[in-house]
Amino acid sequence: NIVEGNAGIRLFTDGVAPELLTAPINALRLTLHPE
């Protein structure tokens, strides 16, 4: 689960499904999930 991030992680969060960005955001789920 992501506990801190820098401005660069917008590269990974732009355009993904909103439910994947609900805290706690899981980095591995965010990476592999189809959405």
PDB file of all heavy atoms in Angstrom:
ATOM      1  N   ASN A   1       0.842  -1.187   0.000  1.00  0.00           N
ATOM      2  CA  ASN A   1       0.000   0.000   0.000  1.00  0.00           C
ATOM      3  C   ASN A   1       0.878   1.239   0.000  1.00  0.00           C
ATOM      4  O   ASN A   1       1.857   1.318   0.751  1.00  0.00           O
ATOM      5  CB  ASN A   1      -0.917   0.012   1.229  1.00  0.00           C
ATOM      6  CG  ASN A   1      -1.890  -1.144   1.223  1.00  0.00           C
ATOM      7  OD1 ASN A   1      -2.478  -1.471   0.195  1.00  0.00           O
ATOM      8  ND2 ASN A   1      -2.072  -1.773   2.377  1.00  0.00           N
ATOM      9  N   ILE A   2       0.547   2.202  -0.834  1.00  0.00           N
ATOM     10  CA  ILE A   2       1.363   3.413  -0.972  1.00  0.00           C
ATOM     11  C   ILE A   2       1.120   4.313   0.235  1.00  0.00           C
ATOM     12  O   ILE A   2      -0.013   4.670   0.543  1.00  0.00           O
ATOM     13  CB  ILE A   2       1.017   4.160  -2.270  1.00  0.00           C
ATOM     14  CG1 ILE A   2       1.302   3.270  -3.497  1.00  0.00           C
ATOM     15  CG2 ILE A   2       1.808   5.463  -2.363  1.00  0.00           C
ATOM     16  CD1 ILE A   2       0.876   3.884  -4.821  1.00  0.00           C
ATOM     17  N   VAL A   3       2.211   4.690   0.911  1.00  0.00           N
ATOM     18  CA  VAL A   3       2.092   5.582   2.064  1.00  0.00           C
ATOM     19  C   VAL A   3       2.664   6.966   1.775  1.00  0.00           C
ATOM     20  O   VAL A   3       2.339   7.922   2.460  1.00  0.00           O
ATOM     21  CB  VAL A   3       2.777   4.966   3.314  1.00  0.00           C
ATOM     22  CG1 VAL A   3       2.075   3.698   3.744  1.00  0.00           C
ATOM     23  CG2 VAL A   3       4.252   4.686   3.066  1.00  0.00           C
ATOM     24  N   GLU A   4       3.528   7.083   0.770  1.00  0.00           N
ATOM     25  CA  GLU A   4       4.079   8.374   0.341  1.00  0.00           C
ATOM     26  C   GLU A   4       4.404   8.267  -1.143  1.00  0.00           C
ATOM     27  O   GLU A   4       4.699   7.178  -1.648  1.00  0.00           O
ATOM     28  CB  GLU A   4       5.357   8.747   1.109  1.00  0.00           C
ATOM     29  CG  GLU A   4       5.168   9.091   2.574  1.00  0.00           C
ATOM     30  CD  GLU A   4       4.695  10.516   2.797  1.00  0.00           C
ATOM     31  OE1 GLU A   4       4.587  11.282   1.803  1.00  0.00           O
ATOM     32  OE2 GLU A   4       4.430  10.866   3.956  1.00  0.00           O
ATOM     33  N   GLY A   5       4.361   9.380  -1.842  1.00  0.00           N
ATOM     34  CA  GLY A   5       4.761   9.392  -3.241  1.00  0.00           C
ATOM     35  C   GLY A   5       5.200  10.789  -3.636  1.00  0.00           C
ATOM     36  O   GLY A   5       4.816  11.773  -2.998  1.00  0.00           O
ATOM     37  N   ASN A   6       6.005  10.892  -4.687  1.00  0.00           N
ATOM     38  CA  ASN A   6       6.405  12.212  -5.166  1.00  0.00           C
ATOM     39  C   ASN A   6       5.525  12.631  -6.339  1.00  0.00           C
ATOM     40  O   ASN A   6       4.611  11.896  -6.758  1.00  0.00           O
ATOM     41  CB  ASN A   6       7.904  12.237  -5.523  1.00  0.00           C
ATOM     42  CG  ASN A   6       8.235  11.376  -6.739  1.00  0.00           C
ATOM     43  OD1 ASN A   6       7.365  10.807  -7.384  1.00  0.00           O
ATOM     44  ND2 ASN A   6       9.525  11.295  -7.039  1.00  0.00           N
ATOM     45  N   ALA A   7       5.800  13.804  -6.892  1.00  0.00           N
ATOM     46  CA  ALA A   7       4.967  14.318  -7.977  1.00  0.00           C
ATOM     47  C   ALA A   7       5.017  13.419  -9.206  1.00  0.00           C
ATOM     48  O   ALA A   7       4.071  13.384  -9.995  1.00  0.00           O
ATOM     49  CB  ALA A   7       5.412  15.739  -8.336  1.00  0.00           C
ATOM     50  N   GLY A   8       6.105  12.664  -9.363  1.00  0.00           N
ATOM     51  CA  GLY A   8       6.272  11.827 -10.541  1.00  0.00           C
ATOM     52  C   GLY A   8       5.287  10.689 -10.651  1.00  0.00           C
ATOM     53  O   GLY A   8       5.089  10.146 -11.752  1.00  0.00           O
ATOM     54  N   ILE A   9       4.637  10.297  -9.547  1.00  0.00           N
ATOM     55  CA  ILE A   9       3.736   9.134  -9.630  1.00  0.00           C
ATOM     56  C   ILE A   9       2.431   9.480 -10.338  1.00  0.00           C
ATOM     57  O   ILE A   9       1.620   8.587 -10.584  1.00  0.00           O
ATOM     58  CB  ILE A   9       3.455   8.494  -8.258  1.00  0.00           C
ATOM     59  CG1 ILE A   9       2.603   9.412  -7.383  1.00  0.00           C
ATOM     60  CG2 ILE A   9       4.742   8.093  -7.565  1.00  0.00           C
ATOM     61  CD1 ILE A   9       2.060   8.707  -6.153  1.00  0.00           C
ATOM     62  N   ARG A  10       2.244  10.748 -10.714  1.00  0.00           N
ATOM     63  CA  ARG A  10       1.088  11.074 -11.557  1.00  0.00           C
ATOM     64  C   ARG A  10       1.147  10.308 -12.871  1.00  0.00           C
ATOM     65  O   ARG A  10       0.118  10.065 -13.500  1.00  0.00           O
ATOM     66  CB  ARG A  10       1.040  12.584 -11.819  1.00  0.00           C
ATOM     67  CG  ARG A  10       0.563  13.400 -10.632  1.00  0.00           C
ATOM     68  CD  ARG A  10       0.118  14.780 -11.062  1.00  0.00           C
ATOM     69  NE  ARG A  10       1.211  15.521 -11.670  1.00  0.00           N
ATOM     70  CZ  ARG A  10       1.990  16.378 -11.006  1.00  0.00           C
ATOM     71  NH1 ARG A  10       1.793  16.569  -9.717  1.00  0.00           N
ATOM     72  NH2 ARG A  10       2.946  17.018 -11.629  1.00  0.00           N
ATOM     73  N   LEU A  11       2.351   9.943 -13.276  1.00  0.00           N
ATOM     74  CA  LEU A  11       2.518   9.118 -14.474  1.00  0.00           C
ATOM     75  C   LEU A  11       1.723   7.824 -14.364  1.00  0.00           C
ATOM     76  O   LEU A  11       1.258   7.286 -15.374  1.00  0.00           O
ATOM     77  CB  LEU A  11       4.014   8.807 -14.657  1.00  0.00           C
ATOM     78  CG  LEU A  11       4.435   8.027 -15.894  1.00  0.00           C
ATOM     79  CD1 LEU A  11       4.284   8.895 -17.142  1.00  0.00           C
ATOM     80  CD2 LEU A  11       5.878   7.555 -15.755  1.00  0.00           C
ATOM     81  N   PHE A  12       1.571   7.315 -13.143  1.00  0.00           N
ATOM     82  CA  PHE A  12       0.895   6.038 -12.919  1.00  0.00           C
ATOM     83  C   PHE A  12      -0.575   6.193 -12.535  1.00  0.00           C
ATOM     84  O   PHE A  12      -1.338   5.232 -12.611  1.00  0.00           O
ATOM     85  CB  PHE A  12       1.600   5.251 -11.819  1.00  0.00           C
ATOM     86  CG  PHE A  12       3.052   4.999 -12.072  1.00  0.00           C
ATOM     87  CD1 PHE A  12       3.976   5.063 -11.041  1.00  0.00           C
ATOM     88  CD2 PHE A  12       3.514   4.705 -13.347  1.00  0.00           C
ATOM     89  CE1 PHE A  12       5.315   4.822 -11.267  1.00  0.00           C
ATOM     90  CE2 PHE A  12       4.854   4.461 -13.589  1.00  0.00           C
ATOM     91  CZ  PHE A  12       5.767   4.517 -12.547  1.00  0.00           C
ATOM     92  N   THR A  13      -0.975   7.375 -12.089  1.00  0.00           N
ATOM     93  CA  THR A  13      -2.347   7.552 -11.600  1.00  0.00           C
ATOM     94  C   THR A  13      -3.256   8.232 -12.614  1.00  0.00           C
ATOM     95  O   THR A  13      -4.480   8.117 -12.505  1.00  0.00           O
ATOM     96  CB  THR A  13      -2.353   8.356 -10.294  1.00  0.00           C
ATOM     97  OG1 THR A  13      -1.719   9.631 -10.509  1.00  0.00           O
ATOM     98  CG2 THR A  13      -1.601   7.613  -9.199  1.00  0.00           C
ATOM     99  N   ASP A  14      -2.696   8.909 -13.601  1.00  0.00           N
ATOM    100  CA  ASP A  14      -3.517   9.580 -14.607  1.00  0.00           C
ATOM    101  C   ASP A  14      -4.324   8.563 -15.409  1.00  0.00           C
ATOM    102  O   ASP A  14      -3.776   7.601 -15.950  1.00  0.00           O
ATOM    103  CB  ASP A  14      -2.639  10.383 -15.578  1.00  0.00           C
ATOM    104  CG  ASP A  14      -2.076  11.641 -14.946  1.00  0.00           C
ATOM    105  OD1 ASP A  14      -2.574  12.044 -13.880  1.00  0.00           O
ATOM    106  OD2 ASP A  14      -1.124  12.224 -15.522  1.00  0.00           O
ATOM    107  N   GLY A  15      -5.641   8.765 -15.438  1.00  0.00           N
ATOM    108  CA  GLY A  15      -6.479   7.975 -16.313  1.00  0.00           C
ATOM    109  C   GLY A  15      -6.870   6.596 -15.809  1.00  0.00           C
ATOM    110  O   GLY A  15      -7.517   5.841 -16.540  1.00  0.00           O
ATOM    111  N   VAL A  16      -6.502   6.233 -14.588  1.00  0.00           N
ATOM    112  CA  VAL A  16      -6.883   4.903 -14.092  1.00  0.00           C
ATOM    113  C   VAL A  16      -8.242   4.984 -13.418  1.00  0.00           C
ATOM    114  O   VAL A  16      -8.742   6.064 -13.100  1.00  0.00           O
ATOM    115  CB  VAL A  16      -5.823   4.335 -13.117  1.00  0.00           C
ATOM    116  CG1 VAL A  16      -4.439   4.357 -13.744  1.00  0.00           C
ATOM    117  CG2 VAL A  16      -5.821   5.102 -11.802  1.00  0.00           C
ATOM    118  N   ALA A  17      -8.876   3.839 -13.205  1.00  0.00           N
ATOM    119  CA  ALA A  17     -10.207   3.795 -12.593  1.00  0.00           C
ATOM    120  C   ALA A  17     -10.171   4.421 -11.198  1.00  0.00           C
ATOM    121  O   ALA A  17      -9.255   4.135 -10.411  1.00  0.00           O
ATOM    122  CB  ALA A  17     -10.691   2.354 -12.519  1.00  0.00           C
ATOM    123  N   PRO A  18     -11.154   5.274 -10.875  1.00  0.00           N
ATOM    124  CA  PRO A  18     -11.148   5.963  -9.569  1.00  0.00           C
ATOM    125  C   PRO A  18     -11.093   5.014  -8.382  1.00  0.00           C
ATOM    126  O   PRO A  18     -10.470   5.333  -7.360  1.00  0.00           O
ATOM    127  CB  PRO A  18     -12.463   6.752  -9.594  1.00  0.00           C
ATOM    128  CG  PRO A  18     -12.780   6.933 -11.039  1.00  0.00           C
ATOM    129  CD  PRO A  18     -12.278   5.706 -11.728  1.00  0.00           C
ATOM    130  N   GLU A  19     -11.721   3.829  -8.488  1.00  0.00           N
ATOM    131  CA  GLU A  19     -11.734   2.920  -7.333  1.00  0.00           C
ATOM    132  C   GLU A  19     -10.341   2.401  -6.997  1.00  0.00           C
ATOM    133  O   GLU A  19     -10.079   2.013  -5.854  1.00  0.00           O
ATOM    134  CB  GLU A  19     -12.678   1.736  -7.570  1.00  0.00           C
ATOM    135  CG  GLU A  19     -12.392   0.919  -8.803  1.00  0.00           C
ATOM    136  CD  GLU A  19     -13.183   1.393 -10.015  1.00  0.00           C
ATOM    137  OE1 GLU A  19     -13.568   2.577 -10.052  1.00  0.00           O
ATOM    138  OE2 GLU A  19     -13.432   0.555 -10.907  1.00  0.00           O
ATOM    139  N   LEU A  20      -9.445   2.411  -7.975  1.00  0.00           N
ATOM    140  CA  LEU A  20      -8.072   1.975  -7.703  1.00  0.00           C
ATOM    141  C   LEU A  20      -7.271   3.042  -6.970  1.00  0.00           C
ATOM    142  O   LEU A  20      -6.178   2.766  -6.482  1.00  0.00           O
ATOM    143  CB  LEU A  20      -7.360   1.598  -9.005  1.00  0.00           C
ATOM    144  CG  LEU A  20      -7.917   0.389  -9.756  1.00  0.00           C
ATOM    145  CD1 LEU A  20      -7.183   0.192 -11.078  1.00  0.00           C
ATOM    146  CD2 LEU A  20      -7.818  -0.863  -8.897  1.00  0.00           C
ATOM    147  N   LEU A  21      -7.816   4.264  -6.909  1.00  0.00           N
ATOM    148  CA  LEU A  21      -7.130   5.377  -6.241  1.00  0.00           C
ATOM    149  C   LEU A  21      -7.744   5.683  -4.886  1.00  0.00           C
ATOM    150  O   LEU A  21      -7.416   6.690  -4.268  1.00  0.00           O
ATOM    151  CB  LEU A  21      -7.163   6.625  -7.136  1.00  0.00           C
ATOM    152  CG  LEU A  21      -6.510   6.459  -8.509  1.00  0.00           C
ATOM    153  CD1 LEU A  21      -6.601   7.761  -9.298  1.00  0.00           C
ATOM    154  CD2 LEU A  21      -5.058   6.025  -8.364  1.00  0.00           C
ATOM    155  N   THR A  22      -8.638   4.808  -4.430  1.00  0.00           N
ATOM    156  CA  THR A  22      -9.211   4.967  -3.096  1.00  0.00           C
ATOM    157  C   THR A  22      -8.230   4.415  -2.066  1.00  0.00           C
ATOM    158  O   THR A  22      -7.720   3.304  -2.203  1.00  0.00           O
ATOM    159  CB  THR A  22     -10.546   4.196  -2.997  1.00  0.00           C
ATOM    160  OG1 THR A  22     -11.441   4.689  -3.998  1.00  0.00           O
ATOM    161  CG2 THR A  22     -11.160   4.368  -1.616  1.00  0.00           C
ATOM    162  N   ALA A  23      -7.945   5.212  -1.052  1.00  0.00           N
ATOM    163  CA  ALA A  23      -6.964   4.806  -0.034  1.00  0.00           C
ATOM    164  C   ALA A  23      -7.435   3.564   0.709  1.00  0.00           C
ATOM    165  O   ALA A  23      -8.633   3.421   0.996  1.00  0.00           O
ATOM    166  CB  ALA A  23      -6.730   5.951   0.949  1.00  0.00           C
ATOM    167  N   PRO A  24      -6.523   2.636   1.004  1.00  0.00           N
ATOM    168  CA  PRO A  24      -5.113   2.677   0.617  1.00  0.00           C
ATOM    169  C   PRO A  24      -4.910   2.205  -0.824  1.00  0.00           C
ATOM    170  O   PRO A  24      -5.477   1.192  -1.236  1.00  0.00           O
ATOM    171  CB  PRO A  24      -4.456   1.684   1.596  1.00  0.00           C
ATOM    172  CG  PRO A  24      -5.542   0.685   1.886  1.00  0.00           C
ATOM    173  CD  PRO A  24      -6.830   1.449   1.848  1.00  0.00           C
ATOM    174  N   ILE A  25      -4.109   2.963  -1.582  1.00  0.00           N
ATOM    175  CA  ILE A  25      -3.817   2.595  -2.962  1.00  0.00           C
ATOM    176  C   ILE A  25      -2.750   1.506  -2.948  1.00  0.00           C
ATOM    177  O   ILE A  25      -1.668   1.695  -2.384  1.00  0.00           O
ATOM    178  CB  ILE A  25      -3.303   3.810  -3.752  1.00  0.00           C
ATOM    179  CG1 ILE A  25      -4.319   4.951  -3.702  1.00  0.00           C
ATOM    180  CG2 ILE A  25      -2.999   3.420  -5.196  1.00  0.00           C
ATOM    181  CD1 ILE A  25      -3.800   6.254  -4.289  1.00  0.00           C
ATOM    182  N   ASN A  26      -3.059   0.371  -3.564  1.00  0.00           N
ATOM    183  CA  ASN A  26      -2.100  -0.726  -3.608  1.00  0.00           C
ATOM    184  C   ASN A  26      -1.292  -0.641  -4.893  1.00  0.00           C
ATOM    185  O   ASN A  26      -1.858  -0.665  -5.992  1.00  0.00           O
ATOM    186  CB  ASN A  26      -2.826  -2.067  -3.510  1.00  0.00           C
ATOM    187  CG  ASN A  26      -1.860  -3.223  -3.377  1.00  0.00           C
ATOM    188  OD1 ASN A  26      -1.381  -3.767  -4.368  1.00  0.00           O
ATOM    189  ND2 ASN A  26      -1.547  -3.594  -2.144  1.00  0.00           N
ATOM    190  N   ALA A  27       0.021  -0.558  -4.764  1.00  0.00           N
ATOM    191  CA  ALA A  27       0.886  -0.342  -5.924  1.00  0.00           C
ATOM    192  C   ALA A  27       0.837  -1.507  -6.912  1.00  0.00           C
ATOM    193  O   ALA A  27       0.845  -1.293  -8.131  1.00  0.00           O
ATOM    194  CB  ALA A  27       2.322  -0.112  -5.460  1.00  0.00           C
ATOM    195  N   LEU A  28       0.774  -2.733  -6.410  1.00  0.00           N
ATOM    196  CA  LEU A  28       0.769  -3.887  -7.315  1.00  0.00           C
ATOM    197  C   LEU A  28      -0.580  -4.027  -8.008  1.00  0.00           C
ATOM    198  O   LEU A  28      -0.645  -4.367  -9.193  1.00  0.00           O
ATOM    199  CB  LEU A  28       1.110  -5.169  -6.544  1.00  0.00           C
ATOM    200  CG  LEU A  28       2.481  -5.203  -5.866  1.00  0.00           C
ATOM    201  CD1 LEU A  28       2.763  -6.589  -5.310  1.00  0.00           C
ATOM    202  CD2 LEU A  28       3.588  -4.780  -6.825  1.00  0.00           C
ATOM    203  N   ARG A  29      -1.662  -3.762  -7.279  1.00  0.00           N
ATOM    204  CA  ARG A  29      -2.990  -3.803  -7.903  1.00  0.00           C
ATOM    205  C   ARG A  29      -3.084  -2.723  -8.978  1.00  0.00           C
ATOM    206  O   ARG A  29      -3.595  -2.962 -10.077  1.00  0.00           O
ATOM    207  CB  ARG A  29      -4.063  -3.607  -6.837  1.00  0.00           C
ATOM    208  CG  ARG A  29      -5.484  -3.695  -7.370  1.00  0.00           C
ATOM    209  CD  ARG A  29      -6.524  -3.532  -6.263  1.00  0.00           C
ATOM    210  NE  ARG A  29      -6.464  -4.634  -5.307  1.00  0.00           N
ATOM    211  CZ  ARG A  29      -6.160  -4.496  -4.026  1.00  0.00           C
ATOM    212  NH1 ARG A  29      -5.851  -3.287  -3.538  1.00  0.00           N
ATOM    213  NH2 ARG A  29      -6.136  -5.541  -3.217  1.00  0.00           N
ATOM    214  N   LEU A  30      -2.576  -1.529  -8.675  1.00  0.00           N
ATOM    215  CA  LEU A  30      -2.578  -0.425  -9.631  1.00  0.00           C
ATOM    216  C   LEU A  30      -1.790  -0.793 -10.891  1.00  0.00           C
ATOM    217  O   LEU A  30      -2.174  -0.455 -12.007  1.00  0.00           O
ATOM    218  CB  LEU A  30      -1.969   0.821  -8.978  1.00  0.00           C
ATOM    219  CG  LEU A  30      -1.911   2.097  -9.814  1.00  0.00           C
ATOM    220  CD1 LEU A  30      -3.310   2.621 -10.098  1.00  0.00           C
ATOM    221  CD2 LEU A  30      -1.086   3.162  -9.091  1.00  0.00           C
ATOM    222  N   THR A  31      -0.695  -1.532 -10.716  1.00  0.00           N
ATOM    223  CA  THR A  31       0.156  -1.890 -11.845  1.00  0.00           C
ATOM    224  C   THR A  31      -0.498  -2.908 -12.771  1.00  0.00           C
ATOM    225  O   THR A  31      -0.470  -2.758 -13.996  1.00  0.00           O
ATOM    226  CB  THR A  31       1.497  -2.452 -11.330  1.00  0.00           C
ATOM    227  OG1 THR A  31       2.155  -1.449 -10.543  1.00  0.00           O
ATOM    228  CG2 THR A  31       2.407  -2.847 -12.490  1.00  0.00           C
ATOM    229  N   LEU A  32      -1.088  -3.963 -12.210  1.00  0.00           N
ATOM    230  CA  LEU A  32      -1.540  -5.087 -13.026  1.00  0.00           C
ATOM    231  C   LEU A  32      -3.030  -5.067 -13.360  1.00  0.00           C
ATOM    232  O   LEU A  32      -3.459  -5.785 -14.275  1.00  0.00           O
ATOM    233  CB  LEU A  32      -1.199  -6.406 -12.325  1.00  0.00           C
ATOM    234  CG  LEU A  32       0.287  -6.695 -12.100  1.00  0.00           C
ATOM    235  CD1 LEU A  32       0.462  -8.092 -11.506  1.00  0.00           C
ATOM    236  CD2 LEU A  32       1.083  -6.578 -13.394  1.00  0.00           C
ATOM    237  N   HIS A  33      -3.821  -4.294 -12.648  1.00  0.00           N
ATOM    238  CA  HIS A  33      -5.266  -4.291 -12.892  1.00  0.00           C
ATOM    239  C   HIS A  33      -5.564  -3.806 -14.313  1.00  0.00           C
ATOM    240  O   HIS A  33      -4.963  -2.823 -14.780  1.00  0.00           O
ATOM    241  CB  HIS A  33      -5.968  -3.392 -11.875  1.00  0.00           C
ATOM    242  CG  HIS A  33      -7.439  -3.633 -11.774  1.00  0.00           C
ATOM    243  ND1 HIS A  33      -8.339  -3.205 -12.731  1.00  0.00           N
ATOM    244  CD2 HIS A  33      -8.181  -4.271 -10.821  1.00  0.00           C
ATOM    245  CE1 HIS A  33      -9.562  -3.552 -12.366  1.00  0.00           C
ATOM    246  NE2 HIS A  33      -9.499  -4.198 -11.227  1.00  0.00           N
ATOM    247  N   PRO A  34      -6.497  -4.453 -15.022  1.00  0.00           N
ATOM    248  CA  PRO A  34      -6.837  -4.024 -16.392  1.00  0.00           C
ATOM    249  C   PRO A  34      -7.316  -2.583 -16.477  1.00  0.00           C
ATOM    250  O   PRO A  34      -7.140  -1.933 -17.517  1.00  0.00           O
ATOM    251  CB  PRO A  34      -7.960  -4.999 -16.798  1.00  0.00           C
ATOM    252  CG  PRO A  34      -7.763  -6.195 -15.927  1.00  0.00           C
ATOM    253  CD  PRO A  34      -7.218  -5.677 -14.620  1.00  0.00           C
ATOM    254  N   GLU A  35      -7.923  -2.066 -15.394  1.00  0.00           N
ATOM    255  CA  GLU A  35      -8.364  -0.671 -15.394  1.00  0.00           C
ATOM    256  C   GLU A  35      -7.342   0.243 -14.727  1.00  0.00           C
ATOM    257  O   GLU A  35      -7.613   1.421 -14.504  1.00  0.00           O
ATOM    258  CB  GLU A  35      -9.722  -0.559 -14.709  1.00  0.00           C
ATOM    259  CG  GLU A  35     -10.823  -1.285 -15.460  1.00  0.00           C
ATOM    260  CD  GLU A  35     -12.187  -1.068 -14.833  1.00  0.00           C
ATOM    261  OE1 GLU A  35     -12.366  -0.061 -14.110  1.00  0.00           O
ATOM    262  OE2 GLU A  35     -13.071  -1.904 -15.055  1.00  0.00           O
TER     263      GLU A  35
END
